[in-house]
Amino acid sequence: MVIQVVNFNLEGITNYEYLGATKEVAPAFKELSGLRSNVWLTDEENATCSGVYTWEDSQSMENYLSSSFYDEVLGNNPAFVNITYKA
């Protein structure tokens, strides 16, 4: 099992808009191969967001990070900046 922690800042959108977007995209995460669970956290005061993902294995995590889904949702989204992750 692999735990991945992702952190990023919001830019150009409010926390409320971010929360609305998470509700729209959440069902798609259920389809990710190897994802056991995910928890999204927000620090509205500092415009900081985090995600804690539990993967079956490191390959599942790497498949997500190299996917077009990751690029669309997080990697190439101009509203999310300073993206970092640790596993």
PDB file of N, CA and C in Angstrom:
ATOM      1  N   MET A   1       0.842  -1.170   0.000  1.00  0.00           N
ATOM      2  CA  MET A   1       0.000   0.000   0.000  1.00  0.00           C
ATOM      3  C   MET A   1       0.893   1.241   0.000  1.00  0.00           C
ATOM      4  N   VAL A   2       0.459   2.301  -0.705  1.00  0.00           N
ATOM      5  CA  VAL A   2       1.203   3.551  -0.814  1.00  0.00           C
ATOM      6  C   VAL A   2       0.277   4.694  -0.428  1.00  0.00           C
ATOM      7  N   ILE A   3       0.789   5.577   0.428  1.00  0.00           N
ATOM      8  CA  ILE A   3       0.058   6.789   0.791  1.00  0.00           C
ATOM      9  C   ILE A   3       0.708   7.949   0.047  1.00  0.00           C
ATOM     10  N   GLN A   4      -0.094   8.731  -0.637  1.00  0.00           N
ATOM     11  CA  GLN A   4       0.377   9.889  -1.389  1.00  0.00           C
ATOM     12  C   GLN A   4      -0.303  11.131  -0.824  1.00  0.00           C
ATOM     13  N   VAL A   5       0.501  12.162  -0.511  1.00  0.00           N
ATOM     14  CA  VAL A   5      -0.039  13.433  -0.024  1.00  0.00           C
ATOM     15  C   VAL A   5       0.267  14.503  -1.064  1.00  0.00           C
ATOM     16  N   VAL A   6      -0.775  15.162  -1.545  1.00  0.00           N
ATOM     17  CA  VAL A   6      -0.662  16.204  -2.558  1.00  0.00           C
ATOM     18  C   VAL A   6      -1.037  17.538  -1.919  1.00  0.00           C
ATOM     19  N   ASN A   7      -0.261  18.578  -2.206  1.00  0.00           N
ATOM     20  CA  ASN A   7      -0.559  19.926  -1.725  1.00  0.00           C
ATOM     21  C   ASN A   7      -0.510  20.895  -2.893  1.00  0.00           C
ATOM     22  N   PHE A   8      -1.382  21.888  -2.870  1.00  0.00           N
ATOM     23  CA  PHE A   8      -1.361  22.926  -3.892  1.00  0.00           C
ATOM     24  C   PHE A   8      -2.105  24.146  -3.380  1.00  0.00           C
ATOM     25  N   ASN A   9      -1.918  25.251  -4.090  1.00  0.00           N
ATOM     26  CA  ASN A   9      -2.602  26.499  -3.769  1.00  0.00           C
ATOM     27  C   ASN A   9      -3.609  26.816  -4.852  1.00  0.00           C
ATOM     28  N   LEU A  10      -4.658  27.504  -4.455  1.00  0.00           N
ATOM     29  CA  LEU A  10      -5.662  27.977  -5.406  1.00  0.00           C
ATOM     30  C   LEU A  10      -5.228  29.324  -5.955  1.00  0.00           C
ATOM     31  N   GLU A  11      -5.499  29.527  -7.235  1.00  0.00           N
ATOM     32  CA  GLU A  11      -5.193  30.810  -7.855  1.00  0.00           C
ATOM     33  C   GLU A  11      -6.313  31.154  -8.837  1.00  0.00           C
ATOM     34  N   GLY A  12      -6.972  32.253  -8.583  1.00  0.00           N
ATOM     35  CA  GLY A  12      -8.013  32.710  -9.499  1.00  0.00           C
ATOM     36  C   GLY A  12      -9.387  32.109  -9.247  1.00  0.00           C
ATOM     37  N   ILE A  13      -9.509  31.253  -8.249  1.00  0.00           N
ATOM     38  CA  ILE A  13     -10.820  30.727  -7.879  1.00  0.00           C
ATOM     39  C   ILE A  13     -10.949  30.770  -6.353  1.00  0.00           C
ATOM     40  N   THR A  14     -12.167  30.807  -5.896  1.00  0.00           N
ATOM     41  CA  THR A  14     -12.428  30.824  -4.462  1.00  0.00           C
ATOM     42  C   THR A  14     -12.489  29.399  -3.924  1.00  0.00           C
ATOM     43  N   ASN A  15     -12.434  29.289  -2.623  1.00  0.00           N
ATOM     44  CA  ASN A  15     -12.581  27.986  -1.986  1.00  0.00           C
ATOM     45  C   ASN A  15     -13.950  27.387  -2.312  1.00  0.00           C
ATOM     46  N   TYR A  16     -14.954  28.225  -2.354  1.00  0.00           N
ATOM     47  CA  TYR A  16     -16.307  27.770  -2.687  1.00  0.00           C
ATOM     48  C   TYR A  16     -16.347  27.172  -4.098  1.00  0.00           C
ATOM     49  N   GLU A  17     -15.703  27.838  -5.049  1.00  0.00           N
ATOM     50  CA  GLU A  17     -15.650  27.322  -6.420  1.00  0.00           C
ATOM     51  C   GLU A  17     -14.872  26.003  -6.475  1.00  0.00           C
ATOM     52  N   TYR A  18     -13.799  25.926  -5.700  1.00  0.00           N
ATOM     53  CA  TYR A  18     -13.028  24.691  -5.640  1.00  0.00           C
ATOM     54  C   TYR A  18     -13.878  23.539  -5.108  1.00  0.00           C
ATOM     55  N   LEU A  19     -14.596  23.786  -4.041  1.00  0.00           N
ATOM     56  CA  LEU A  19     -15.441  22.738  -3.466  1.00  0.00           C
ATOM     57  C   LEU A  19     -16.505  22.273  -4.460  1.00  0.00           C
ATOM     58  N   GLY A  20     -17.051  23.200  -5.232  1.00  0.00           N
ATOM     59  CA  GLY A  20     -18.015  22.830  -6.266  1.00  0.00           C
ATOM     60  C   GLY A  20     -17.390  21.935  -7.320  1.00  0.00           C
ATOM     61  N   ALA A  21     -16.153  22.246  -7.695  1.00  0.00           N
ATOM     62  CA  ALA A  21     -15.449  21.444  -8.699  1.00  0.00           C
ATOM     63  C   ALA A  21     -15.144  20.043  -8.165  1.00  0.00           C
ATOM     64  N   THR A  22     -14.813  19.947  -6.879  1.00  0.00           N
ATOM     65  CA  THR A  22     -14.510  18.626  -6.319  1.00  0.00           C
ATOM     66  C   THR A  22     -15.745  17.734  -6.342  1.00  0.00           C
ATOM     67  N   LYS A  23     -16.891  18.314  -6.132  1.00  0.00           N
ATOM     68  CA  LYS A  23     -18.129  17.517  -6.162  1.00  0.00           C
ATOM     69  C   LYS A  23     -18.398  16.980  -7.562  1.00  0.00           C
ATOM     70  N   GLU A  24     -18.029  17.765  -8.558  1.00  0.00           N
ATOM     71  CA  GLU A  24     -18.239  17.328  -9.942  1.00  0.00           C
ATOM     72  C   GLU A  24     -17.294  16.205 -10.340  1.00  0.00           C
ATOM     73  N   VAL A  25     -16.051  16.279  -9.901  1.00  0.00           N
ATOM     74  CA  VAL A  25     -15.029  15.331 -10.345  1.00  0.00           C
ATOM     75  C   VAL A  25     -14.924  14.103  -9.432  1.00  0.00           C
ATOM     76  N   ALA A  26     -15.453  14.169  -8.234  1.00  0.00           N
ATOM     77  CA  ALA A  26     -15.317  13.064  -7.268  1.00  0.00           C
ATOM     78  C   ALA A  26     -15.735  11.707  -7.819  1.00  0.00           C
ATOM     79  N   PRO A  27     -16.854  11.591  -8.532  1.00  0.00           N
ATOM     80  CA  PRO A  27     -17.244  10.263  -9.036  1.00  0.00           C
ATOM     81  C   PRO A  27     -16.196   9.626  -9.954  1.00  0.00           C
ATOM     82  N   ALA A  28     -15.457  10.432 -10.688  1.00  0.00           N
ATOM     83  CA  ALA A  28     -14.450   9.886 -11.599  1.00  0.00           C
ATOM     84  C   ALA A  28     -13.305   9.221 -10.841  1.00  0.00           C
ATOM     85  N   PHE A  29     -13.031   9.672  -9.630  1.00  0.00           N
ATOM     86  CA  PHE A  29     -11.960   9.070  -8.846  1.00  0.00           C
ATOM     87  C   PHE A  29     -12.293   7.639  -8.451  1.00  0.00           C
ATOM     88  N   LYS A  30     -13.567   7.330  -8.344  1.00  0.00           N
ATOM     89  CA  LYS A  30     -13.978   5.962  -8.013  1.00  0.00           C
ATOM     90  C   LYS A  30     -13.563   4.973  -9.096  1.00  0.00           C
ATOM     91  N   GLU A  31     -13.325   5.468 -10.304  1.00  0.00           N
ATOM     92  CA  GLU A  31     -12.971   4.621 -11.435  1.00  0.00           C
ATOM     93  C   GLU A  31     -11.464   4.387 -11.573  1.00  0.00           C
ATOM     94  N   LEU A  32     -10.654   5.074 -10.768  1.00  0.00           N
ATOM     95  CA  LEU A  32      -9.205   4.939 -10.891  1.00  0.00           C
ATOM     96  C   LEU A  32      -8.743   3.580 -10.382  1.00  0.00           C
ATOM     97  N   SER A  33      -8.049   2.883 -11.222  1.00  0.00           N
ATOM     98  CA  SER A  33      -7.530   1.558 -10.873  1.00  0.00           C
ATOM     99  C   SER A  33      -6.500   1.681  -9.758  1.00  0.00           C
ATOM    100  N   GLY A  34      -6.691   0.916  -8.702  1.00  0.00           N
ATOM    101  CA  GLY A  34      -5.730   0.877  -7.612  1.00  0.00           C
ATOM    102  C   GLY A  34      -5.936   1.901  -6.517  1.00  0.00           C
ATOM    103  N   LEU A  35      -6.873   2.821  -6.685  1.00  0.00           N
ATOM    104  CA  LEU A  35      -7.129   3.815  -5.645  1.00  0.00           C
ATOM    105  C   LEU A  35      -8.059   3.218  -4.602  1.00  0.00           C
ATOM    106  N   ARG A  36      -7.581   3.145  -3.375  1.00  0.00           N
ATOM    107  CA  ARG A  36      -8.383   2.588  -2.278  1.00  0.00           C
ATOM    108  C   ARG A  36      -9.226   3.657  -1.600  1.00  0.00           C
ATOM    109  N   SER A  37      -8.640   4.841  -1.399  1.00  0.00           N
ATOM    110  CA  SER A  37      -9.380   5.936  -0.758  1.00  0.00           C
ATOM    111  C   SER A  37      -8.701   7.261  -1.059  1.00  0.00           C
ATOM    112  N   ASN A  38      -9.458   8.314  -0.927  1.00  0.00           N
ATOM    113  CA  ASN A  38      -8.891   9.648  -1.022  1.00  0.00           C
ATOM    114  C   ASN A  38      -9.683  10.590  -0.126  1.00  0.00           C
ATOM    115  N   VAL A  39      -8.954  11.523   0.456  1.00  0.00           N
ATOM    116  CA  VAL A  39      -9.537  12.536   1.321  1.00  0.00           C
ATOM    117  C   VAL A  39      -8.998  13.874   0.859  1.00  0.00           C
ATOM    118  N   TRP A  40      -9.890  14.838   0.658  1.00  0.00           N
ATOM    119  CA  TRP A  40      -9.480  16.175   0.243  1.00  0.00           C
ATOM    120  C   TRP A  40      -9.654  17.123   1.409  1.00  0.00           C
ATOM    121  N   LEU A  41      -8.655  17.969   1.615  1.00  0.00           N
ATOM    122  CA  LEU A  41      -8.641  18.920   2.718  1.00  0.00           C
ATOM    123  C   LEU A  41      -8.426  20.321   2.176  1.00  0.00           C
ATOM    124  N   THR A  42      -8.997  21.321   2.844  1.00  0.00           N
ATOM    125  CA  THR A  42      -8.774  22.702   2.425  1.00  0.00           C
ATOM    126  C   THR A  42      -8.452  23.571   3.625  1.00  0.00           C
ATOM    127  N   ASP A  43      -7.588  24.542   3.387  1.00  0.00           N
ATOM    128  CA  ASP A  43      -7.269  25.588   4.342  1.00  0.00           C
ATOM    129  C   ASP A  43      -7.660  26.891   3.658  1.00  0.00           C
ATOM    130  N   GLU A  44      -8.903  27.281   3.857  1.00  0.00           N
ATOM    131  CA  GLU A  44      -9.455  28.430   3.139  1.00  0.00           C
ATOM    132  C   GLU A  44      -8.663  29.705   3.407  1.00  0.00           C
ATOM    133  N   GLU A  45      -8.237  29.895   4.626  1.00  0.00           N
ATOM    134  CA  GLU A  45      -7.517  31.116   4.999  1.00  0.00           C
ATOM    135  C   GLU A  45      -6.238  31.304   4.193  1.00  0.00           C
ATOM    136  N   ASN A  46      -5.561  30.202   3.895  1.00  0.00           N
ATOM    137  CA  ASN A  46      -4.295  30.256   3.156  1.00  0.00           C
ATOM    138  C   ASN A  46      -4.414  29.803   1.706  1.00  0.00           C
ATOM    139  N   ALA A  47      -5.641  29.575   1.234  1.00  0.00           N
ATOM    140  CA  ALA A  47      -5.889  29.126  -0.143  1.00  0.00           C
ATOM    141  C   ALA A  47      -5.050  27.902  -0.484  1.00  0.00           C
ATOM    142  N   THR A  48      -4.953  26.993   0.482  1.00  0.00           N
ATOM    143  CA  THR A  48      -4.170  25.780   0.321  1.00  0.00           C
ATOM    144  C   THR A  48      -5.087  24.568   0.363  1.00  0.00           C
ATOM    145  N   CYS A  49      -4.829  23.623  -0.525  1.00  0.00           N
ATOM    146  CA  CYS A  49      -5.611  22.390  -0.577  1.00  0.00           C
ATOM    147  C   CYS A  49      -4.663  21.204  -0.523  1.00  0.00           C
ATOM    148  N   SER A  50      -5.180  20.101  -0.021  1.00  0.00           N
ATOM    149  CA  SER A  50      -4.385  18.872   0.071  1.00  0.00           C
ATOM    150  C   SER A  50      -5.263  17.689  -0.271  1.00  0.00           C
ATOM    151  N   GLY A  51      -4.617  16.638  -0.672  1.00  0.00           N
ATOM    152  CA  GLY A  51      -5.295  15.375  -0.898  1.00  0.00           C
ATOM    153  C   GLY A  51      -4.444  14.258  -0.328  1.00  0.00           C
ATOM    154  N   VAL A  52      -5.084  13.321   0.338  1.00  0.00           N
ATOM    155  CA  VAL A  52      -4.392  12.150   0.861  1.00  0.00           C
ATOM    156  C   VAL A  52      -4.994  10.941   0.156  1.00  0.00           C
ATOM    157  N   TYR A  53      -4.167  10.265  -0.631  1.00  0.00           N
ATOM    158  CA  TYR A  53      -4.616   9.144  -1.453  1.00  0.00           C
ATOM    159  C   TYR A  53      -3.973   7.857  -0.953  1.00  0.00           C
ATOM    160  N   THR A  54      -4.740   6.815  -0.889  1.00  0.00           N
ATOM    161  CA  THR A  54      -4.217   5.490  -0.555  1.00  0.00           C
ATOM    162  C   THR A  54      -4.318   4.624  -1.800  1.00  0.00           C
ATOM    163  N   TRP A  55      -3.156   4.173  -2.267  1.00  0.00           N
ATOM    164  CA  TRP A  55      -3.067   3.360  -3.483  1.00  0.00           C
ATOM    165  C   TRP A  55      -2.721   1.928  -3.119  1.00  0.00           C
ATOM    166  N   GLU A  56      -3.184   0.991  -3.923  1.00  0.00           N
ATOM    167  CA  GLU A  56      -2.835  -0.418  -3.727  1.00  0.00           C
ATOM    168  C   GLU A  56      -1.339  -0.641  -3.838  1.00  0.00           C
ATOM    169  N   ASP A  57      -0.693   0.089  -4.775  1.00  0.00           N
ATOM    170  CA  ASP A  57       0.745  -0.061  -4.991  1.00  0.00           C
ATOM    171  C   ASP A  57       1.278   1.174  -5.699  1.00  0.00           C
ATOM    172  N   SER A  58       2.586   1.282  -5.781  1.00  0.00           N
ATOM    173  CA  SER A  58       3.194   2.467  -6.391  1.00  0.00           C
ATOM    174  C   SER A  58       2.897   2.557  -7.889  1.00  0.00           C
ATOM    175  N   GLN A  59       2.732   1.436  -8.555  1.00  0.00           N
ATOM    176  CA  GLN A  59       2.418   1.467  -9.988  1.00  0.00           C
ATOM    177  C   GLN A  59       1.069   2.122 -10.241  1.00  0.00           C
ATOM    178  N   SER A  60       0.092   1.858  -9.399  1.00  0.00           N
ATOM    179  CA  SER A  60      -1.224   2.493  -9.539  1.00  0.00           C
ATOM    180  C   SER A  60      -1.104   4.007  -9.406  1.00  0.00           C
ATOM    181  N   MET A  61      -0.297   4.451  -8.445  1.00  0.00           N
ATOM    182  CA  MET A  61      -0.081   5.888  -8.266  1.00  0.00           C
ATOM    183  C   MET A  61       0.607   6.483  -9.492  1.00  0.00           C
ATOM    184  N   GLU A  62       1.646   5.822  -9.977  1.00  0.00           N
ATOM    185  CA  GLU A  62       2.368   6.316 -11.147  1.00  0.00           C
ATOM    186  C   GLU A  62       1.472   6.352 -12.383  1.00  0.00           C
ATOM    187  N   ASN A  63       0.601   5.365 -12.533  1.00  0.00           N
ATOM    188  CA  ASN A  63      -0.333   5.360 -13.658  1.00  0.00           C
ATOM    189  C   ASN A  63      -1.239   6.582 -13.600  1.00  0.00           C
ATOM    190  N   TYR A  64      -1.700   6.930 -12.412  1.00  0.00           N
ATOM    191  CA  TYR A  64      -2.535   8.126 -12.240  1.00  0.00           C
ATOM    192  C   TYR A  64      -1.743   9.383 -12.588  1.00  0.00           C
ATOM    193  N   LEU A  65      -0.529   9.510 -12.055  1.00  0.00           N
ATOM    194  CA  LEU A  65       0.273  10.706 -12.278  1.00  0.00           C
ATOM    195  C   LEU A  65       0.639  10.918 -13.745  1.00  0.00           C
ATOM    196  N   SER A  66       0.684   9.860 -14.516  1.00  0.00           N
ATOM    197  CA  SER A  66       1.042   9.982 -15.935  1.00  0.00           C
ATOM    198  C   SER A  66      -0.193   9.942 -16.844  1.00  0.00           C
ATOM    199  N   SER A  67      -1.364  10.012 -16.261  1.00  0.00           N
ATOM    200  CA  SER A  67      -2.594   9.901 -17.050  1.00  0.00           C
ATOM    201  C   SER A  67      -3.105  11.257 -17.532  1.00  0.00           C
ATOM    202  N   SER A  68      -3.902  11.218 -18.576  1.00  0.00           N
ATOM    203  CA  SER A  68      -4.549  12.442 -19.056  1.00  0.00           C
ATOM    204  C   SER A  68      -5.565  12.940 -18.029  1.00  0.00           C
ATOM    205  N   PHE A  69      -6.138  12.035 -17.245  1.00  0.00           N
ATOM    206  CA  PHE A  69      -7.073  12.431 -16.193  1.00  0.00           C
ATOM    207  C   PHE A  69      -6.364  13.329 -15.177  1.00  0.00           C
ATOM    208  N   TYR A  70      -5.162  12.953 -14.734  1.00  0.00           N
ATOM    209  CA  TYR A  70      -4.393  13.783 -13.808  1.00  0.00           C
ATOM    210  C   TYR A  70      -4.126  15.148 -14.429  1.00  0.00           C
ATOM    211  N   ASP A  71      -3.702  15.165 -15.691  1.00  0.00           N
ATOM    212  CA  ASP A  71      -3.418  16.436 -16.361  1.00  0.00           C
ATOM    213  C   ASP A  71      -4.646  17.331 -16.411  1.00  0.00           C
ATOM    214  N   GLU A  72      -5.798  16.758 -16.712  1.00  0.00           N
ATOM    215  CA  GLU A  72      -7.026  17.536 -16.815  1.00  0.00           C
ATOM    216  C   GLU A  72      -7.480  18.066 -15.457  1.00  0.00           C
ATOM    217  N   VAL A  73      -7.415  17.221 -14.449  1.00  0.00           N
ATOM    218  CA  VAL A  73      -7.957  17.571 -13.139  1.00  0.00           C
ATOM    219  C   VAL A  73      -7.001  18.441 -12.337  1.00  0.00           C
ATOM    220  N   LEU A  74      -5.723  18.141 -12.362  1.00  0.00           N
ATOM    221  CA  LEU A  74      -4.787  18.835 -11.484  1.00  0.00           C
ATOM    222  C   LEU A  74      -3.577  19.400 -12.212  1.00  0.00           C
ATOM    223  N   GLY A  75      -2.865  18.573 -12.908  1.00  0.00           N
ATOM    224  CA  GLY A  75      -1.571  18.937 -13.471  1.00  0.00           C
ATOM    225  C   GLY A  75      -1.549  20.144 -14.382  1.00  0.00           C
ATOM    226  N   ASN A  76      -2.536  20.275 -15.249  1.00  0.00           N
ATOM    227  CA  ASN A  76      -2.571  21.391 -16.202  1.00  0.00           C
ATOM    228  C   ASN A  76      -3.688  22.384 -15.904  1.00  0.00           C
ATOM    229  N   ASN A  77      -4.221  22.332 -14.716  1.00  0.00           N
ATOM    230  CA  ASN A  77      -5.304  23.237 -14.340  1.00  0.00           C
ATOM    231  C   ASN A  77      -4.704  24.541 -13.826  1.00  0.00           C
ATOM    232  N   PRO A  78      -4.959  25.675 -14.505  1.00  0.00           N
ATOM    233  CA  PRO A  78      -4.352  26.947 -14.091  1.00  0.00           C
ATOM    234  C   PRO A  78      -4.831  27.446 -12.729  1.00  0.00           C
ATOM    235  N   ALA A  79      -5.905  26.887 -12.201  1.00  0.00           N
ATOM    236  CA  ALA A  79      -6.400  27.302 -10.884  1.00  0.00           C
ATOM    237  C   ALA A  79      -5.610  26.661  -9.747  1.00  0.00           C
ATOM    238  N   PHE A  80      -4.785  25.660 -10.067  1.00  0.00           N
ATOM    239  CA  PHE A  80      -4.009  24.958  -9.049  1.00  0.00           C
ATOM    240  C   PHE A  80      -2.527  25.201  -9.300  1.00  0.00           C
ATOM    241  N   VAL A  81      -1.853  25.834  -8.356  1.00  0.00           N
ATOM    242  CA  VAL A  81      -0.437  26.181  -8.511  1.00  0.00           C
ATOM    243  C   VAL A  81       0.369  25.621  -7.337  1.00  0.00           C
ATOM    244  N   ASN A  82       1.676  25.594  -7.513  1.00  0.00           N
ATOM    245  CA  ASN A  82       2.590  25.114  -6.471  1.00  0.00           C
ATOM    246  C   ASN A  82       2.269  23.677  -6.059  1.00  0.00           C
ATOM    247  N   ILE A  83       2.004  22.835  -7.029  1.00  0.00           N
ATOM    248  CA  ILE A  83       1.624  21.447  -6.757  1.00  0.00           C
ATOM    249  C   ILE A  83       2.855  20.652  -6.329  1.00  0.00           C
ATOM    250  N   THR A  84       2.735  19.983  -5.198  1.00  0.00           N
ATOM    251  CA  THR A  84       3.771  19.071  -4.727  1.00  0.00           C
ATOM    252  C   THR A  84       3.114  17.792  -4.245  1.00  0.00           C
ATOM    253  N   TYR A  85       3.873  16.721  -4.263  1.00  0.00           N
ATOM    254  CA  TYR A  85       3.356  15.487  -3.677  1.00  0.00           C
ATOM    255  C   TYR A  85       4.506  14.663  -3.118  1.00  0.00           C
ATOM    256  N   LYS A  86       4.153  13.879  -2.110  1.00  0.00           N
ATOM    257  CA  LYS A  86       5.090  12.945  -1.493  1.00  0.00           C
ATOM    258  C   LYS A  86       4.389  11.622  -1.341  1.00  0.00           C
ATOM    259  N   ALA A  87       5.129  10.565  -1.496  1.00  0.00           N
ATOM    260  CA  ALA A  87       4.563   9.224  -1.311  1.00  0.00           C
ATOM    261  C   ALA A  87       5.407   8.461  -0.313  1.00  0.00           C
TER     262      ALA A  87
END
